[in-house]
């Protein structure tokens, strides 16, 4: 994603209505529930059996507030995906 698109997405995120945020909430919750500490650890350490993997897993499991932050991040991801779909629909030319 280029800088202009990133800036447009960040601006549009600030302008989401309460209804749009509510529309995005179930998708964000699905994303949140699909993530596990083991999955994140594998992605962050780029391996599944190593000291680094074990270190990431233990850190994620014992970090206070991590679940709340992860929930907020997945909600924001869903909102960005929603805005991207809206933008794509806006630029589509009827056949």
N, C-alpha and C. Protein backbone atom coordinates (compact mmCIF):
# COMPACT_ATOMS: atom_id res chain seq x y z
N UNK A 1 0.85 -1.16 0.00
CA UNK A 1 0.00 0.00 0.00
C UNK A 1 0.91 1.23 0.00
N UNK A 2 0.64 2.16 -0.90
CA UNK A 2 1.47 3.36 -0.96
C UNK A 2 1.05 4.38 0.10
N UNK A 3 1.88 5.39 0.29
CA UNK A 3 1.66 6.39 1.35
C UNK A 3 0.32 7.12 1.17
N UNK A 4 -0.02 7.48 -0.06
CA UNK A 4 -1.28 8.19 -0.29
C UNK A 4 -2.47 7.33 0.12
N UNK A 5 -2.44 6.07 -0.26
CA UNK A 5 -3.53 5.16 0.10
C UNK A 5 -3.60 4.98 1.62
N UNK A 6 -2.43 4.83 2.25
CA UNK A 6 -2.40 4.70 3.71
C UNK A 6 -3.02 5.92 4.37
N UNK A 7 -2.65 7.10 3.90
CA UNK A 7 -3.20 8.33 4.47
C UNK A 7 -4.71 8.42 4.25
N UNK A 8 -5.18 8.01 3.07
CA UNK A 8 -6.61 8.01 2.80
C UNK A 8 -7.35 7.06 3.74
N UNK A 9 -6.76 5.87 3.98
CA UNK A 9 -7.38 4.90 4.88
C UNK A 9 -7.43 5.44 6.31
N UNK A 10 -6.34 6.04 6.77
CA UNK A 10 -6.30 6.59 8.13
C UNK A 10 -7.30 7.72 8.29
N UNK A 11 -7.44 8.56 7.28
CA UNK A 11 -8.41 9.64 7.32
C UNK A 11 -9.83 9.08 7.35
N UNK A 12 -10.09 8.10 6.50
CA UNK A 12 -11.42 7.50 6.42
C UNK A 12 -11.77 6.77 7.72
N UNK A 13 -10.78 6.15 8.38
CA UNK A 13 -11.04 5.48 9.65
C UNK A 13 -11.59 6.45 10.69
N UNK A 14 -11.06 7.66 10.68
CA UNK A 14 -11.52 8.67 11.64
C UNK A 14 -12.95 9.11 11.34
N UNK A 15 -13.40 8.93 10.11
CA UNK A 15 -14.72 9.39 9.69
C UNK A 15 -15.79 8.29 9.72
N UNK A 16 -15.43 7.07 10.18
CA UNK A 16 -16.42 6.00 10.24
C UNK A 16 -17.56 6.39 11.17
N UNK A 17 -18.78 6.09 10.74
CA UNK A 17 -19.94 6.35 11.59
C UNK A 17 -20.09 5.22 12.62
N UNK A 18 -20.91 5.45 13.61
CA UNK A 18 -21.19 4.44 14.62
C UNK A 18 -21.81 3.21 13.95
N UNK A 19 -22.67 3.44 12.96
CA UNK A 19 -23.30 2.33 12.25
C UNK A 19 -22.27 1.51 11.48
N UNK A 20 -21.32 2.19 10.83
CA UNK A 20 -20.28 1.47 10.10
C UNK A 20 -19.38 0.68 11.04
N UNK A 21 -19.05 1.26 12.18
CA UNK A 21 -18.25 0.53 13.16
C UNK A 21 -19.00 -0.70 13.65
N UNK A 22 -20.30 -0.55 13.88
CA UNK A 22 -21.12 -1.68 14.31
C UNK A 22 -21.20 -2.76 13.24
N UNK A 23 -21.26 -2.34 11.98
CA UNK A 23 -21.28 -3.29 10.86
C UNK A 23 -20.00 -4.10 10.82
N UNK A 24 -18.88 -3.48 11.15
CA UNK A 24 -17.57 -4.13 11.08
C UNK A 24 -17.29 -5.02 12.30
N UNK A 25 -17.97 -4.79 13.40
CA UNK A 25 -17.65 -5.48 14.64
C UNK A 25 -17.69 -7.00 14.54
N UNK A 26 -18.72 -7.62 13.95
CA UNK A 26 -18.72 -9.09 13.87
C UNK A 26 -17.52 -9.65 13.09
N UNK A 27 -17.14 -8.98 12.02
CA UNK A 27 -15.98 -9.44 11.25
C UNK A 27 -14.70 -9.33 12.05
N UNK A 28 -14.58 -8.25 12.81
CA UNK A 28 -13.40 -8.07 13.67
C UNK A 28 -13.35 -9.12 14.76
N UNK A 29 -14.51 -9.46 15.31
CA UNK A 29 -14.56 -10.50 16.34
C UNK A 29 -14.19 -11.86 15.75
N UNK A 30 -14.61 -12.13 14.53
CA UNK A 30 -14.24 -13.38 13.87
C UNK A 30 -12.72 -13.44 13.67
N UNK A 31 -12.13 -12.33 13.22
CA UNK A 31 -10.68 -12.29 13.07
C UNK A 31 -9.98 -12.55 14.39
N UNK A 32 -10.46 -11.91 15.43
CA UNK A 32 -9.87 -12.05 16.77
C UNK A 32 -9.92 -13.50 17.23
N UNK A 33 -11.08 -14.12 17.06
CA UNK A 33 -11.25 -15.50 17.51
C UNK A 33 -10.43 -16.49 16.69
N UNK A 34 -10.09 -16.12 15.45
CA UNK A 34 -9.32 -17.03 14.61
C UNK A 34 -7.83 -16.99 14.92
N UNK A 35 -7.40 -15.98 15.66
CA UNK A 35 -5.99 -15.88 16.02
C UNK A 35 -5.75 -16.59 17.35
N UNK A 36 -4.69 -17.37 17.38
CA UNK A 36 -4.29 -18.01 18.63
C UNK A 36 -2.86 -17.59 18.94
N UNK A 37 -2.47 -17.73 20.19
CA UNK A 37 -1.10 -17.40 20.55
C UNK A 37 -0.09 -18.24 19.76
N UNK A 38 -0.43 -19.51 19.55
CA UNK A 38 0.48 -20.37 18.80
C UNK A 38 0.62 -19.90 17.35
N UNK A 39 -0.49 -19.50 16.74
CA UNK A 39 -0.46 -19.00 15.35
C UNK A 39 0.37 -17.72 15.27
N UNK A 40 0.12 -16.78 16.18
CA UNK A 40 0.88 -15.53 16.18
C UNK A 40 2.36 -15.79 16.43
N UNK A 41 2.65 -16.69 17.34
CA UNK A 41 4.04 -17.03 17.64
C UNK A 41 4.74 -17.58 16.41
N UNK A 42 4.06 -18.45 15.71
CA UNK A 42 4.67 -19.02 14.50
C UNK A 42 4.93 -17.93 13.47
N UNK A 43 3.99 -17.00 13.30
CA UNK A 43 4.18 -15.91 12.33
C UNK A 43 5.30 -14.97 12.77
N UNK A 44 5.36 -14.66 14.05
CA UNK A 44 6.36 -13.73 14.54
C UNK A 44 7.77 -14.33 14.56
N UNK A 45 7.86 -15.61 14.85
CA UNK A 45 9.18 -16.23 14.93
C UNK A 45 9.57 -16.91 13.62
N UNK A 46 8.60 -17.05 12.71
CA UNK A 46 8.83 -17.68 11.42
C UNK A 46 9.32 -19.11 11.55
N UNK A 47 8.89 -19.77 12.60
CA UNK A 47 9.25 -21.16 12.82
C UNK A 47 8.24 -21.77 13.79
N UNK A 48 8.23 -23.08 13.91
CA UNK A 48 7.28 -23.68 14.85
C UNK A 48 7.95 -24.49 15.95
N UNK A 49 9.21 -24.73 15.89
CA UNK A 49 9.89 -25.49 16.94
C UNK A 49 11.28 -24.90 17.16
N UNK A 50 11.36 -23.97 18.07
CA UNK A 50 12.67 -23.39 18.38
C UNK A 50 12.57 -22.63 19.69
N UNK A 51 13.71 -22.21 20.20
CA UNK A 51 13.72 -21.39 21.41
C UNK A 51 13.01 -20.08 21.17
N UNK A 52 13.18 -19.51 19.97
CA UNK A 52 12.52 -18.24 19.66
C UNK A 52 11.00 -18.41 19.70
N UNK A 53 10.51 -19.52 19.15
CA UNK A 53 9.08 -19.81 19.18
C UNK A 53 8.58 -19.88 20.62
N UNK A 54 9.28 -20.63 21.44
CA UNK A 54 8.89 -20.79 22.85
C UNK A 54 8.92 -19.45 23.58
N UNK A 55 9.91 -18.61 23.27
CA UNK A 55 10.02 -17.30 23.91
C UNK A 55 8.85 -16.41 23.51
N UNK A 56 8.52 -16.36 22.21
CA UNK A 56 7.38 -15.57 21.75
C UNK A 56 6.09 -16.05 22.40
N UNK A 57 5.88 -17.35 22.43
CA UNK A 57 4.65 -17.91 22.99
C UNK A 57 4.51 -17.54 24.46
N UNK A 58 5.56 -17.71 25.23
CA UNK A 58 5.50 -17.38 26.65
C UNK A 58 5.26 -15.89 26.86
N UNK A 59 5.91 -15.06 26.06
CA UNK A 59 5.73 -13.61 26.18
C UNK A 59 4.29 -13.21 25.86
N UNK A 60 3.71 -13.78 24.81
CA UNK A 60 2.33 -13.46 24.44
C UNK A 60 1.35 -13.93 25.51
N UNK A 61 1.60 -15.10 26.06
CA UNK A 61 0.68 -15.65 27.05
C UNK A 61 0.75 -14.89 28.38
N UNK A 62 1.85 -14.22 28.66
CA UNK A 62 2.01 -13.58 29.97
C UNK A 62 2.00 -12.06 29.89
N UNK A 63 1.73 -11.49 28.74
CA UNK A 63 1.69 -10.04 28.61
C UNK A 63 0.31 -9.53 28.99
N UNK A 64 0.26 -8.77 30.08
CA UNK A 64 -1.02 -8.20 30.52
C UNK A 64 -1.57 -7.25 29.46
N UNK A 65 -2.85 -7.39 29.19
CA UNK A 65 -3.51 -6.49 28.25
C UNK A 65 -3.33 -6.87 26.79
N UNK A 66 -2.57 -7.92 26.51
CA UNK A 66 -2.34 -8.30 25.11
C UNK A 66 -3.64 -8.62 24.38
N UNK A 67 -4.54 -9.36 25.06
CA UNK A 67 -5.80 -9.74 24.42
C UNK A 67 -6.64 -8.53 24.05
N UNK A 68 -6.65 -7.50 24.92
CA UNK A 68 -7.41 -6.30 24.62
C UNK A 68 -6.83 -5.55 23.42
N UNK A 69 -5.52 -5.48 23.38
CA UNK A 69 -4.86 -4.81 22.26
C UNK A 69 -5.10 -5.58 20.98
N UNK A 70 -4.99 -6.89 21.03
CA UNK A 70 -5.22 -7.72 19.85
C UNK A 70 -6.65 -7.57 19.36
N UNK A 71 -7.61 -7.49 20.28
CA UNK A 71 -9.01 -7.29 19.90
C UNK A 71 -9.16 -5.95 19.17
N UNK A 72 -8.56 -4.90 19.72
CA UNK A 72 -8.63 -3.58 19.08
C UNK A 72 -8.01 -3.60 17.68
N UNK A 73 -6.90 -4.31 17.55
CA UNK A 73 -6.22 -4.39 16.25
C UNK A 73 -7.09 -5.12 15.24
N UNK A 74 -7.72 -6.23 15.63
CA UNK A 74 -8.55 -6.96 14.68
C UNK A 74 -9.78 -6.16 14.28
N UNK A 75 -10.32 -5.36 15.20
CA UNK A 75 -11.44 -4.50 14.85
C UNK A 75 -11.01 -3.45 13.82
N UNK A 76 -9.82 -2.90 14.00
CA UNK A 76 -9.33 -1.89 13.06
C UNK A 76 -9.04 -2.52 11.70
N UNK A 77 -8.50 -3.74 11.69
CA UNK A 77 -8.27 -4.45 10.42
C UNK A 77 -9.57 -4.60 9.66
N UNK A 78 -10.62 -5.02 10.35
CA UNK A 78 -11.92 -5.20 9.70
C UNK A 78 -12.45 -3.87 9.16
N UNK A 79 -12.26 -2.80 9.89
CA UNK A 79 -12.70 -1.48 9.43
C UNK A 79 -11.93 -1.05 8.18
N UNK A 80 -10.63 -1.32 8.16
CA UNK A 80 -9.82 -0.98 6.98
C UNK A 80 -10.27 -1.81 5.78
N UNK A 81 -10.52 -3.09 5.99
CA UNK A 81 -11.01 -3.94 4.90
C UNK A 81 -12.35 -3.42 4.37
N UNK A 82 -13.22 -3.00 5.27
CA UNK A 82 -14.51 -2.43 4.88
C UNK A 82 -14.29 -1.18 4.01
N UNK A 83 -13.40 -0.31 4.45
CA UNK A 83 -13.14 0.92 3.68
C UNK A 83 -12.53 0.61 2.32
N UNK A 84 -11.67 -0.40 2.26
CA UNK A 84 -11.07 -0.79 0.97
C UNK A 84 -12.15 -1.31 0.03
N UNK A 85 -13.09 -2.10 0.56
CA UNK A 85 -14.18 -2.61 -0.28
C UNK A 85 -15.05 -1.47 -0.77
N UNK A 86 -15.33 -0.50 0.11
CA UNK A 86 -16.13 0.66 -0.30
C UNK A 86 -15.42 1.45 -1.39
N UNK A 87 -14.12 1.63 -1.22
CA UNK A 87 -13.34 2.37 -2.20
C UNK A 87 -13.34 1.64 -3.55
N UNK A 88 -13.13 0.32 -3.51
CA UNK A 88 -13.14 -0.48 -4.74
C UNK A 88 -14.49 -0.41 -5.44
N UNK A 89 -15.57 -0.47 -4.65
CA UNK A 89 -16.91 -0.37 -5.23
C UNK A 89 -17.14 1.00 -5.86
N UNK A 90 -16.59 2.03 -5.26
CA UNK A 90 -16.74 3.40 -5.78
C UNK A 90 -16.06 3.54 -7.14
N UNK A 91 -14.91 2.91 -7.30
CA UNK A 91 -14.14 3.03 -8.54
C UNK A 91 -14.55 2.06 -9.63
N UNK A 92 -15.39 1.07 -9.29
CA UNK A 92 -15.83 0.12 -10.32
C UNK A 92 -16.73 0.83 -11.32
N UNK A 93 -16.49 0.54 -12.56
CA UNK A 93 -17.28 1.14 -13.64
C UNK A 93 -18.32 0.13 -14.09
N UNK A 94 -19.61 0.52 -14.11
CA UNK A 94 -20.64 -0.43 -14.56
C UNK A 94 -20.37 -0.88 -15.98
N UNK A 95 -20.61 -2.17 -16.24
CA UNK A 95 -20.36 -2.74 -17.56
C UNK A 95 -21.44 -2.37 -18.54
